[in-house]
N, C-alpha and C. Protein backbone atom coordinates (compact mmCIF):
# COMPACT_ATOMS: atom_id res chain seq x y z
N UNK A 1 0.85 -1.16 0.00
CA UNK A 1 0.00 0.00 0.00
C UNK A 1 0.91 1.23 0.00
N UNK A 2 0.77 2.05 -0.97
CA UNK A 2 1.67 3.19 -1.10
C UNK A 2 0.96 4.51 -0.80
N UNK A 3 0.58 4.69 0.44
CA UNK A 3 0.05 5.95 0.95
C UNK A 3 0.83 6.22 2.23
N UNK A 4 2.07 6.63 2.11
CA UNK A 4 2.98 6.65 3.27
C UNK A 4 2.51 7.40 4.50
N UNK A 5 1.77 8.45 4.34
CA UNK A 5 1.37 9.22 5.52
C UNK A 5 0.34 8.49 6.37
N UNK A 6 -0.54 7.70 5.74
CA UNK A 6 -1.62 7.08 6.50
C UNK A 6 -1.83 5.60 6.22
N UNK A 7 -0.98 4.96 5.45
CA UNK A 7 -1.19 3.56 5.07
C UNK A 7 -1.41 2.61 6.24
N UNK A 8 -0.65 2.70 7.33
CA UNK A 8 -0.89 1.75 8.43
C UNK A 8 -2.33 1.80 8.96
N UNK A 9 -2.95 2.94 8.92
CA UNK A 9 -4.31 3.07 9.45
C UNK A 9 -5.34 2.30 8.61
N UNK A 10 -4.99 1.89 7.41
CA UNK A 10 -5.91 1.13 6.56
C UNK A 10 -5.84 -0.37 6.82
N UNK A 11 -4.89 -0.81 7.65
CA UNK A 11 -4.73 -2.24 7.91
C UNK A 11 -5.93 -2.86 8.61
N UNK A 12 -6.75 -2.06 9.25
CA UNK A 12 -7.93 -2.61 9.91
C UNK A 12 -8.87 -3.29 8.91
N UNK A 13 -8.71 -3.01 7.64
CA UNK A 13 -9.53 -3.65 6.61
C UNK A 13 -9.27 -5.16 6.55
N UNK A 14 -8.15 -5.62 7.09
CA UNK A 14 -7.82 -7.04 7.08
C UNK A 14 -8.37 -7.80 8.29
N UNK A 15 -8.99 -7.10 9.23
CA UNK A 15 -9.59 -7.79 10.38
C UNK A 15 -10.72 -8.68 9.89
N UNK A 16 -10.77 -9.89 10.38
CA UNK A 16 -11.82 -10.81 9.96
C UNK A 16 -11.60 -11.37 8.57
N UNK A 17 -10.36 -11.37 8.10
CA UNK A 17 -10.03 -11.85 6.75
C UNK A 17 -10.54 -13.27 6.54
N UNK A 18 -11.21 -13.51 5.43
CA UNK A 18 -11.84 -14.81 5.17
C UNK A 18 -11.17 -15.60 4.05
N UNK A 19 -10.16 -15.06 3.40
CA UNK A 19 -9.53 -15.75 2.28
C UNK A 19 -8.85 -17.05 2.69
N UNK A 20 -8.60 -17.91 1.73
CA UNK A 20 -7.95 -19.20 2.00
C UNK A 20 -6.49 -19.02 2.37
N UNK A 21 -5.79 -18.19 1.64
CA UNK A 21 -4.37 -17.97 1.87
C UNK A 21 -4.15 -16.60 2.47
N UNK A 22 -3.36 -16.55 3.52
CA UNK A 22 -3.07 -15.26 4.16
C UNK A 22 -2.16 -14.44 3.24
N UNK A 23 -2.50 -13.19 2.99
CA UNK A 23 -1.72 -12.38 2.05
C UNK A 23 -0.42 -11.84 2.65
N UNK A 24 0.53 -11.60 1.79
CA UNK A 24 1.75 -10.88 2.16
C UNK A 24 1.43 -9.40 1.97
N UNK A 25 1.69 -8.61 3.00
CA UNK A 25 1.32 -7.20 2.98
C UNK A 25 2.57 -6.35 3.03
N UNK A 26 2.60 -5.30 2.22
CA UNK A 26 3.71 -4.34 2.19
C UNK A 26 3.10 -2.96 2.45
N UNK A 27 3.53 -2.33 3.54
CA UNK A 27 2.97 -1.03 3.93
C UNK A 27 4.09 0.01 3.94
N UNK A 28 3.94 1.05 3.14
CA UNK A 28 4.90 2.15 3.14
C UNK A 28 4.46 3.18 4.17
N UNK A 29 5.40 3.68 4.96
CA UNK A 29 5.06 4.70 5.95
C UNK A 29 6.26 5.60 6.22
N UNK A 30 5.95 6.81 6.66
CA UNK A 30 6.98 7.76 7.03
C UNK A 30 7.34 7.57 8.49
N UNK A 31 8.61 7.72 8.78
CA UNK A 31 9.08 7.67 10.17
C UNK A 31 10.19 8.69 10.34
N UNK A 32 10.54 8.93 11.57
CA UNK A 32 11.70 9.77 11.85
C UNK A 32 12.98 8.99 11.54
N UNK A 33 14.09 9.62 11.74
CA UNK A 33 15.38 8.97 11.47
C UNK A 33 16.07 8.51 12.75
N UNK A 34 15.30 8.35 13.82
CA UNK A 34 15.89 7.93 15.09
C UNK A 34 16.11 6.42 15.12
N UNK A 35 16.73 5.94 16.18
CA UNK A 35 17.06 4.53 16.32
C UNK A 35 15.83 3.64 16.42
N UNK A 36 14.71 4.19 16.85
CA UNK A 36 13.49 3.41 17.04
C UNK A 36 12.54 3.47 15.85
N UNK A 37 12.99 3.99 14.73
CA UNK A 37 12.10 4.20 13.58
C UNK A 37 11.44 2.89 13.12
N UNK A 38 12.22 1.82 13.03
CA UNK A 38 11.65 0.55 12.57
C UNK A 38 10.64 0.01 13.58
N UNK A 39 10.96 0.11 14.87
CA UNK A 39 10.02 -0.34 15.91
C UNK A 39 8.75 0.49 15.87
N UNK A 40 8.89 1.78 15.65
CA UNK A 40 7.73 2.67 15.58
C UNK A 40 6.83 2.30 14.40
N UNK A 41 7.43 2.02 13.25
CA UNK A 41 6.65 1.65 12.06
C UNK A 41 5.88 0.35 12.30
N UNK A 42 6.54 -0.64 12.89
CA UNK A 42 5.88 -1.92 13.18
C UNK A 42 4.76 -1.72 14.21
N UNK A 43 5.02 -0.91 15.22
CA UNK A 43 4.02 -0.64 16.26
C UNK A 43 2.78 0.02 15.67
N UNK A 44 2.95 0.93 14.72
CA UNK A 44 1.80 1.56 14.07
C UNK A 44 0.97 0.52 13.32
N UNK A 45 1.64 -0.41 12.65
CA UNK A 45 0.93 -1.46 11.91
C UNK A 45 0.19 -2.38 12.87
N UNK A 46 0.84 -2.77 13.96
CA UNK A 46 0.19 -3.64 14.94
C UNK A 46 -1.02 -2.98 15.57
N UNK A 47 -0.89 -1.71 15.90
CA UNK A 47 -2.00 -0.99 16.51
C UNK A 47 -3.20 -0.92 15.57
N UNK A 48 -2.95 -0.60 14.32
CA UNK A 48 -4.05 -0.47 13.35
C UNK A 48 -4.70 -1.82 13.05
N UNK A 49 -3.90 -2.86 12.95
CA UNK A 49 -4.44 -4.19 12.65
C UNK A 49 -5.11 -4.80 13.88
N UNK A 50 -4.56 -4.51 15.05
CA UNK A 50 -5.15 -5.02 16.28
C UNK A 50 -4.56 -6.33 16.76
N UNK A 51 -3.39 -6.70 16.24
CA UNK A 51 -2.71 -7.92 16.72
C UNK A 51 -1.21 -7.78 16.49
N UNK A 52 -0.45 -8.65 17.15
CA UNK A 52 1.00 -8.61 17.02
C UNK A 52 1.43 -9.21 15.69
N UNK A 53 2.52 -8.70 15.17
CA UNK A 53 3.09 -9.19 13.92
C UNK A 53 4.36 -9.98 14.23
N UNK A 54 4.61 -11.01 13.44
CA UNK A 54 5.86 -11.75 13.57
C UNK A 54 6.46 -11.89 12.18
N UNK A 55 7.73 -12.25 12.15
CA UNK A 55 8.45 -12.37 10.88
C UNK A 55 8.27 -11.13 10.01
N UNK A 56 8.51 -9.99 10.63
CA UNK A 56 8.36 -8.70 9.95
C UNK A 56 9.69 -8.29 9.35
N UNK A 57 9.63 -7.78 8.14
CA UNK A 57 10.80 -7.23 7.47
C UNK A 57 10.56 -5.74 7.28
N UNK A 58 11.52 -4.92 7.66
CA UNK A 58 11.40 -3.47 7.48
C UNK A 58 12.63 -2.99 6.73
N UNK A 59 12.41 -2.28 5.63
CA UNK A 59 13.56 -1.75 4.91
C UNK A 59 13.33 -0.29 4.51
N UNK A 60 14.42 0.41 4.35
CA UNK A 60 14.39 1.81 3.94
C UNK A 60 14.02 1.89 2.47
N UNK A 61 13.01 2.68 2.16
CA UNK A 61 12.62 2.91 0.76
C UNK A 61 13.41 4.10 0.22
N UNK A 62 13.33 5.23 0.97
CA UNK A 62 14.11 6.39 0.57
C UNK A 62 14.12 7.44 1.67
N UNK A 63 15.08 8.30 1.56
CA UNK A 63 15.23 9.45 2.45
C UNK A 63 14.35 10.55 1.84
N UNK A 64 13.36 11.04 2.60
CA UNK A 64 12.43 12.01 2.02
C UNK A 64 12.61 13.43 2.53
N UNK A 65 13.28 13.59 3.66
CA UNK A 65 13.48 14.92 4.25
C UNK A 65 14.61 14.82 5.27
N UNK A 66 15.11 15.97 5.72
CA UNK A 66 16.23 15.92 6.67
C UNK A 66 15.95 15.10 7.93
N UNK A 67 14.69 15.02 8.35
CA UNK A 67 14.37 14.25 9.56
C UNK A 67 13.33 13.17 9.32
N UNK A 68 13.16 12.75 8.05
CA UNK A 68 12.10 11.80 7.73
C UNK A 68 12.57 10.79 6.68
N UNK A 69 12.26 9.52 6.93
CA UNK A 69 12.50 8.45 5.98
C UNK A 69 11.18 7.79 5.61
N UNK A 70 11.16 7.14 4.46
CA UNK A 70 10.04 6.29 4.10
C UNK A 70 10.52 4.85 4.27
N UNK A 71 9.78 4.07 5.05
CA UNK A 71 10.10 2.67 5.26
C UNK A 71 9.01 1.80 4.66
N UNK A 72 9.35 0.55 4.38
CA UNK A 72 8.37 -0.43 3.95
C UNK A 72 8.35 -1.54 4.99
N UNK A 73 7.18 -1.78 5.57
CA UNK A 73 6.98 -2.86 6.55
C UNK A 73 6.30 -4.00 5.79
N UNK A 74 6.94 -5.16 5.76
CA UNK A 74 6.39 -6.31 5.03
C UNK A 74 6.16 -7.46 6.01
N UNK A 75 5.00 -8.11 5.88
CA UNK A 75 4.66 -9.23 6.74
C UNK A 75 3.52 -10.03 6.13
N UNK A 76 3.41 -11.28 6.54
CA UNK A 76 2.25 -12.08 6.17
C UNK A 76 1.19 -11.83 7.21
N UNK A 77 -0.03 -11.62 6.77
CA UNK A 77 -1.12 -11.36 7.70
C UNK A 77 -1.18 -12.48 8.73
N UNK A 78 -1.18 -12.14 10.03
CA UNK A 78 -1.22 -13.18 11.06
C UNK A 78 -2.55 -13.93 11.05
N UNK A 79 -2.49 -15.20 11.36
CA UNK A 79 -3.70 -16.03 11.44
C UNK A 79 -4.70 -15.43 12.43
N UNK A 80 -4.18 -14.80 13.48
CA UNK A 80 -5.07 -14.22 14.51
C UNK A 80 -5.94 -13.09 13.97
N UNK A 81 -5.57 -12.51 12.83
CA UNK A 81 -6.38 -11.43 12.25
C UNK A 81 -7.73 -11.95 11.77
N UNK A 82 -7.81 -13.24 11.46
CA UNK A 82 -9.08 -13.83 10.99
C UNK A 82 -10.18 -13.72 12.04
N UNK A 83 -9.80 -13.81 13.32
CA UNK A 83 -10.80 -13.82 14.39
C UNK A 83 -11.13 -12.43 14.92
N UNK A 84 -10.48 -11.41 14.39
CA UNK A 84 -10.75 -10.05 14.86
C UNK A 84 -12.04 -9.51 14.24
N UNK A 85 -12.78 -8.78 15.02
CA UNK A 85 -14.03 -8.19 14.54
C UNK A 85 -13.74 -7.05 13.57
N UNK A 86 -14.55 -7.00 12.54
CA UNK A 86 -14.47 -5.87 11.60
C UNK A 86 -14.87 -4.60 12.33
N UNK A 87 -14.34 -3.50 11.92
CA UNK A 87 -14.71 -2.22 12.49
C UNK A 87 -15.85 -1.66 11.65
N UNK A 88 -16.92 -1.27 12.29
CA UNK A 88 -18.03 -0.68 11.53
C UNK A 88 -17.78 0.82 11.41
N UNK A 89 -17.92 1.30 10.22
CA UNK A 89 -17.71 2.72 9.95
C UNK A 89 -19.06 3.41 10.02
N UNK A 90 -19.19 4.43 10.86
CA UNK A 90 -20.48 5.10 10.98
C UNK A 90 -20.89 5.78 9.67
N UNK A 91 -22.16 5.72 9.39
CA UNK A 91 -22.69 6.36 8.19
C UNK A 91 -22.68 7.87 8.43
N UNK A 92 -22.20 8.59 7.45
CA UNK A 92 -22.19 10.05 7.60
C UNK A 92 -23.16 10.68 6.60
N UNK A 93 -23.22 11.96 6.61
CA UNK A 93 -24.19 12.65 5.76
C UNK A 93 -23.93 12.48 4.27
N UNK A 94 -22.73 12.00 3.90
CA UNK A 94 -22.40 11.85 2.49
C UNK A 94 -22.60 10.41 1.99
N UNK A 95 -22.94 9.50 2.89
CA UNK A 95 -23.14 8.11 2.50
C UNK A 95 -24.53 7.92 1.91
N UNK A 96 -24.63 6.98 0.99
CA UNK A 96 -25.91 6.64 0.40
C UNK A 96 -26.42 5.37 1.04
N UNK A 97 -27.73 5.30 1.31
CA UNK A 97 -28.27 4.03 1.80
C UNK A 97 -28.50 3.13 0.58
N UNK A 98 -28.84 1.86 0.81
CA UNK A 98 -28.99 0.91 -0.28
C UNK A 98 -30.01 1.36 -1.32
N UNK A 99 -31.11 1.92 -0.88
CA UNK A 99 -32.13 2.38 -1.82
C UNK A 99 -31.62 3.48 -2.72
N UNK A 100 -30.86 4.41 -2.16
CA UNK A 100 -30.32 5.51 -2.96
C UNK A 100 -29.32 4.99 -3.98
N UNK A 101 -28.49 4.01 -3.59
CA UNK A 101 -27.52 3.43 -4.53
C UNK A 101 -28.24 2.76 -5.69
N UNK A 102 -29.29 1.99 -5.37
CA UNK A 102 -30.04 1.29 -6.40
C UNK A 102 -30.69 2.28 -7.37
N UNK A 103 -31.31 3.33 -6.85
CA UNK A 103 -31.94 4.33 -7.71
C UNK A 103 -30.92 5.05 -8.57
N UNK A 104 -29.75 5.34 -8.00
CA UNK A 104 -28.70 6.03 -8.77
C UNK A 104 -28.19 5.14 -9.90
N UNK A 105 -28.05 3.83 -9.65
CA UNK A 105 -27.60 2.89 -10.68
C UNK A 105 -28.61 2.80 -11.81
N UNK A 106 -29.90 2.73 -11.46
CA UNK A 106 -30.95 2.66 -12.48
C UNK A 106 -30.96 3.92 -13.34
N UNK A 107 -30.76 5.06 -12.70
CA UNK A 107 -30.74 6.33 -13.42
C UNK A 107 -29.57 6.37 -14.40
N UNK A 108 -28.42 5.88 -13.99
CA UNK A 108 -27.23 5.87 -14.85
C UNK A 108 -27.44 4.95 -16.04
N UNK A 109 -28.07 3.79 -15.81
CA UNK A 109 -28.29 2.81 -16.86
C UNK A 109 -29.30 3.30 -17.90
N UNK A 110 -30.23 4.16 -17.50
CA UNK A 110 -31.27 4.60 -18.45
C UNK A 110 -30.87 5.85 -19.20
């Protein structure tokens, strides 16, 4: 996933994963250039996913600013992610209900 500023926050989409084979995930993220940068990147991924990661590989993608690097965190989705509850996203004023979606589709088709 190449959205470095917020990519780890999208990992919650893998909670409750139902596929047969667990996917290999690559997450690009920005971090500082301190000694804990790799640990920080992994911690962000674990927090967003909601479980611990193992066999994680973290590598430098590029130097993006005097105090910022882009890292890539790679891991196979943990089996424990299958049992995690999906997060429900609250409907906001811009969301369409099912009836509105159906009517909009019919209008487009005609």
